[in-house]
Amino acid sequence: MEYTVYEGTKATINGTQFTFTCDPADTDTAYDALAENVQLNNQNQDDNQDLVDFQNAADDDVETMLNDMQKMGFIDSWEAEN
C-alpha cells in the first residue's frame, strides 16, 4: 500500500507532503517513515509533550496510526492507494 501524508499544524514536512510504501499492518515501517520526514514544530523545547504524543501514537495498524497522528495535529490528512 502506498501512503501520502500531508503536514499538520504541529509539524512540518519538507515539501508539505511525502509518500511511503508499506504493508497496512507494518506499523514499524510507517513510524520510521513518519519519524524521518516529519519535524515537530517545537522539537527543541525541554518539556516536549508533542514528542511524547508522537512516540505514543496508536499503532494497531497503519491506518489507525495515521488517523491518530491526524487527530493530534501532526499531519493534516493522508491518502492510501493500492
N, C-alpha and C. Protein backbone atom coordinates (compact mmCIF):
# COMPACT_ATOMS: atom_id res chain seq x y z
N MET A 1 0.86 -1.17 0.00
CA MET A 1 0.00 0.00 0.00
C MET A 1 0.91 1.24 0.00
N GLU A 2 0.50 2.24 -0.76
CA GLU A 2 1.26 3.50 -0.82
C GLU A 2 0.46 4.56 -0.06
N TYR A 3 1.13 5.23 0.85
CA TYR A 3 0.50 6.26 1.68
C TYR A 3 1.12 7.62 1.36
N THR A 4 0.27 8.63 1.22
CA THR A 4 0.72 10.00 1.07
C THR A 4 0.24 10.77 2.29
N VAL A 5 1.17 11.48 2.92
CA VAL A 5 0.90 12.19 4.17
C VAL A 5 1.14 13.68 3.95
N TYR A 6 0.25 14.51 4.48
CA TYR A 6 0.34 15.97 4.34
C TYR A 6 0.58 16.59 5.71
N GLU A 7 1.43 17.62 5.77
CA GLU A 7 1.82 18.20 7.05
C GLU A 7 0.65 18.80 7.81
N GLY A 8 0.77 18.75 9.14
CA GLY A 8 -0.26 19.29 10.03
C GLY A 8 0.18 20.55 10.71
N THR A 9 -0.55 20.95 11.75
CA THR A 9 -0.26 22.20 12.44
C THR A 9 0.88 22.07 13.45
N LYS A 10 1.12 20.88 13.97
CA LYS A 10 2.16 20.70 14.98
C LYS A 10 3.49 20.26 14.40
N ALA A 11 3.55 20.09 13.07
CA ALA A 11 4.77 19.58 12.46
C ALA A 11 4.88 20.08 11.02
N THR A 12 6.09 20.02 10.48
CA THR A 12 6.31 20.39 9.09
C THR A 12 6.92 19.21 8.35
N ILE A 13 6.67 19.19 7.07
CA ILE A 13 7.23 18.18 6.18
C ILE A 13 7.89 18.93 5.04
N ASN A 14 9.12 18.59 4.71
CA ASN A 14 9.80 19.24 3.60
C ASN A 14 9.01 18.99 2.32
N GLY A 15 8.48 20.04 1.73
CA GLY A 15 7.66 19.90 0.54
C GLY A 15 6.18 19.77 0.85
N THR A 16 5.79 19.83 2.10
CA THR A 16 4.42 19.77 2.63
C THR A 16 3.77 18.40 2.53
N GLN A 17 4.39 17.43 1.85
CA GLN A 17 3.85 16.08 1.80
C GLN A 17 4.96 15.09 1.49
N PHE A 18 4.74 13.81 1.81
CA PHE A 18 5.66 12.76 1.41
C PHE A 18 4.87 11.47 1.24
N THR A 19 5.47 10.54 0.51
CA THR A 19 4.83 9.26 0.22
C THR A 19 5.75 8.14 0.67
N PHE A 20 5.16 7.10 1.23
CA PHE A 20 5.92 5.91 1.58
C PHE A 20 5.08 4.68 1.27
N THR A 21 5.75 3.54 1.15
CA THR A 21 5.09 2.29 0.82
C THR A 21 5.36 1.28 1.92
N CYS A 22 4.30 0.61 2.38
CA CYS A 22 4.45 -0.47 3.35
C CYS A 22 3.17 -1.28 3.41
N ASP A 23 3.26 -2.41 4.04
CA ASP A 23 2.11 -3.27 4.28
C ASP A 23 1.18 -2.56 5.27
N PRO A 24 -0.14 -2.67 5.13
CA PRO A 24 -1.06 -2.00 6.04
C PRO A 24 -0.90 -2.38 7.51
N ALA A 25 -0.26 -3.49 7.79
CA ALA A 25 -0.04 -3.91 9.17
C ALA A 25 1.36 -3.57 9.68
N ASP A 26 2.22 -3.04 8.83
CA ASP A 26 3.63 -2.78 9.18
C ASP A 26 3.80 -1.41 9.82
N THR A 27 3.42 -1.30 11.07
CA THR A 27 3.50 -0.01 11.76
C THR A 27 4.94 0.43 12.01
N ASP A 28 5.87 -0.51 12.10
CA ASP A 28 7.27 -0.12 12.30
C ASP A 28 7.80 0.68 11.11
N THR A 29 7.54 0.21 9.90
CA THR A 29 7.97 0.94 8.70
C THR A 29 7.27 2.28 8.60
N ALA A 30 5.97 2.31 8.89
CA ALA A 30 5.22 3.56 8.83
C ALA A 30 5.76 4.56 9.85
N TYR A 31 6.01 4.11 11.06
CA TYR A 31 6.53 5.01 12.10
C TYR A 31 7.90 5.55 11.69
N ASP A 32 8.77 4.67 11.16
CA ASP A 32 10.09 5.11 10.70
C ASP A 32 9.96 6.18 9.62
N ALA A 33 9.04 5.98 8.67
CA ALA A 33 8.84 6.96 7.59
C ALA A 33 8.38 8.29 8.17
N LEU A 34 7.45 8.24 9.11
CA LEU A 34 6.97 9.47 9.75
C LEU A 34 8.10 10.15 10.53
N ALA A 35 8.84 9.39 11.30
CA ALA A 35 9.91 9.96 12.13
C ALA A 35 10.99 10.60 11.27
N GLU A 36 11.26 10.04 10.09
CA GLU A 36 12.29 10.58 9.21
C GLU A 36 11.83 11.82 8.45
N ASN A 37 10.53 11.96 8.21
CA ASN A 37 10.04 13.02 7.34
C ASN A 37 9.27 14.13 8.03
N VAL A 38 8.82 13.91 9.24
CA VAL A 38 8.02 14.89 9.96
C VAL A 38 8.88 15.55 11.04
N GLN A 39 8.97 16.86 11.02
CA GLN A 39 9.72 17.58 12.04
C GLN A 39 8.74 18.34 12.92
N LEU A 40 8.77 18.03 14.21
CA LEU A 40 7.88 18.72 15.14
C LEU A 40 8.23 20.19 15.22
N ASN A 41 7.24 21.06 15.26
CA ASN A 41 7.47 22.49 15.29
C ASN A 41 8.15 22.96 16.56
N ASN A 42 7.93 22.27 17.67
CA ASN A 42 8.55 22.68 18.94
C ASN A 42 9.55 21.63 19.44
N GLN A 43 10.25 21.00 18.53
CA GLN A 43 11.14 19.89 18.83
C GLN A 43 12.26 20.25 19.81
N ASN A 44 12.67 21.50 19.87
CA ASN A 44 13.80 21.88 20.71
C ASN A 44 13.42 22.30 22.12
N GLN A 45 12.16 22.25 22.47
CA GLN A 45 11.75 22.62 23.82
C GLN A 45 12.09 21.51 24.80
N ASP A 46 12.46 21.90 26.04
CA ASP A 46 12.82 20.91 27.05
C ASP A 46 11.62 20.05 27.45
N ASP A 47 10.48 20.66 27.65
CA ASP A 47 9.27 19.94 28.04
C ASP A 47 8.44 19.72 26.78
N ASN A 48 8.69 18.63 26.09
CA ASN A 48 8.11 18.45 24.77
C ASN A 48 7.03 17.37 24.79
N GLN A 49 5.82 17.74 25.17
CA GLN A 49 4.70 16.78 25.19
C GLN A 49 4.38 16.29 23.79
N ASP A 50 4.58 17.13 22.77
CA ASP A 50 4.31 16.69 21.40
C ASP A 50 5.18 15.49 21.01
N LEU A 51 6.44 15.49 21.42
CA LEU A 51 7.32 14.36 21.12
C LEU A 51 6.80 13.09 21.79
N VAL A 52 6.37 13.21 23.04
CA VAL A 52 5.82 12.05 23.75
C VAL A 52 4.56 11.56 23.04
N ASP A 53 3.68 12.49 22.65
CA ASP A 53 2.46 12.10 21.95
C ASP A 53 2.77 11.43 20.62
N PHE A 54 3.74 11.98 19.88
CA PHE A 54 4.14 11.42 18.59
C PHE A 54 4.62 9.98 18.77
N GLN A 55 5.46 9.77 19.78
CA GLN A 55 6.01 8.44 20.03
C GLN A 55 4.96 7.45 20.52
N ASN A 56 3.90 7.94 21.13
CA ASN A 56 2.89 7.07 21.71
C ASN A 56 1.62 6.98 20.86
N ALA A 57 1.72 7.31 19.60
CA ALA A 57 0.54 7.24 18.72
C ALA A 57 0.00 5.81 18.68
N ALA A 58 -1.30 5.70 18.57
CA ALA A 58 -1.93 4.38 18.46
C ALA A 58 -1.33 3.65 17.26
N ASP A 59 -1.07 2.36 17.42
CA ASP A 59 -0.38 1.66 16.34
C ASP A 59 -0.92 0.24 16.11
N ASP A 60 -2.24 0.10 16.14
CA ASP A 60 -2.84 -1.20 15.84
C ASP A 60 -2.55 -1.60 14.39
N ASP A 61 -2.59 -0.64 13.50
CA ASP A 61 -2.24 -0.82 12.09
C ASP A 61 -1.90 0.56 11.54
N VAL A 62 -1.46 0.61 10.28
CA VAL A 62 -1.01 1.89 9.71
C VAL A 62 -2.15 2.89 9.64
N GLU A 63 -3.34 2.47 9.26
CA GLU A 63 -4.47 3.38 9.18
C GLU A 63 -4.79 3.99 10.54
N THR A 64 -4.78 3.17 11.58
CA THR A 64 -5.03 3.67 12.94
C THR A 64 -3.96 4.67 13.35
N MET A 65 -2.69 4.37 13.03
CA MET A 65 -1.59 5.27 13.37
C MET A 65 -1.75 6.61 12.68
N LEU A 66 -2.03 6.59 11.38
CA LEU A 66 -2.18 7.83 10.63
C LEU A 66 -3.39 8.62 11.11
N ASN A 67 -4.47 7.94 11.42
CA ASN A 67 -5.65 8.64 11.96
C ASN A 67 -5.33 9.30 13.30
N ASP A 68 -4.55 8.62 14.15
CA ASP A 68 -4.19 9.19 15.44
C ASP A 68 -3.25 10.38 15.26
N MET A 69 -2.29 10.27 14.34
CA MET A 69 -1.39 11.39 14.05
C MET A 69 -2.19 12.59 13.54
N GLN A 70 -3.21 12.32 12.73
CA GLN A 70 -4.06 13.39 12.21
C GLN A 70 -4.87 14.01 13.35
N LYS A 71 -5.44 13.19 14.20
CA LYS A 71 -6.23 13.68 15.33
C LYS A 71 -5.39 14.58 16.25
N MET A 72 -4.11 14.24 16.44
CA MET A 72 -3.24 15.02 17.31
C MET A 72 -2.65 16.24 16.61
N GLY A 73 -2.83 16.37 15.29
CA GLY A 73 -2.37 17.55 14.57
C GLY A 73 -0.99 17.45 13.96
N PHE A 74 -0.37 16.27 14.01
CA PHE A 74 0.97 16.13 13.41
C PHE A 74 0.89 16.07 11.89
N ILE A 75 -0.19 15.50 11.37
CA ILE A 75 -0.43 15.52 9.94
C ILE A 75 -1.82 16.09 9.71
N ASP A 76 -2.01 16.73 8.55
CA ASP A 76 -3.30 17.31 8.23
C ASP A 76 -4.24 16.25 7.67
N SER A 77 -3.71 15.44 6.78
CA SER A 77 -4.51 14.38 6.16
C SER A 77 -3.58 13.35 5.55
N TRP A 78 -4.18 12.27 5.07
CA TRP A 78 -3.39 11.23 4.40
C TRP A 78 -4.30 10.49 3.43
N GLU A 79 -3.65 9.84 2.45
CA GLU A 79 -4.36 9.06 1.44
C GLU A 79 -3.64 7.72 1.28
N ALA A 80 -4.37 6.70 0.90
CA ALA A 80 -3.80 5.38 0.64
C ALA A 80 -4.21 4.90 -0.74
N GLU A 81 -3.26 4.26 -1.44
CA GLU A 81 -3.53 3.67 -2.74
C GLU A 81 -2.90 2.30 -2.80
N ASN A 82 -3.59 1.39 -3.47
CA ASN A 82 -3.02 0.03 -3.67
C ASN A 82 -1.96 0.06 -4.72
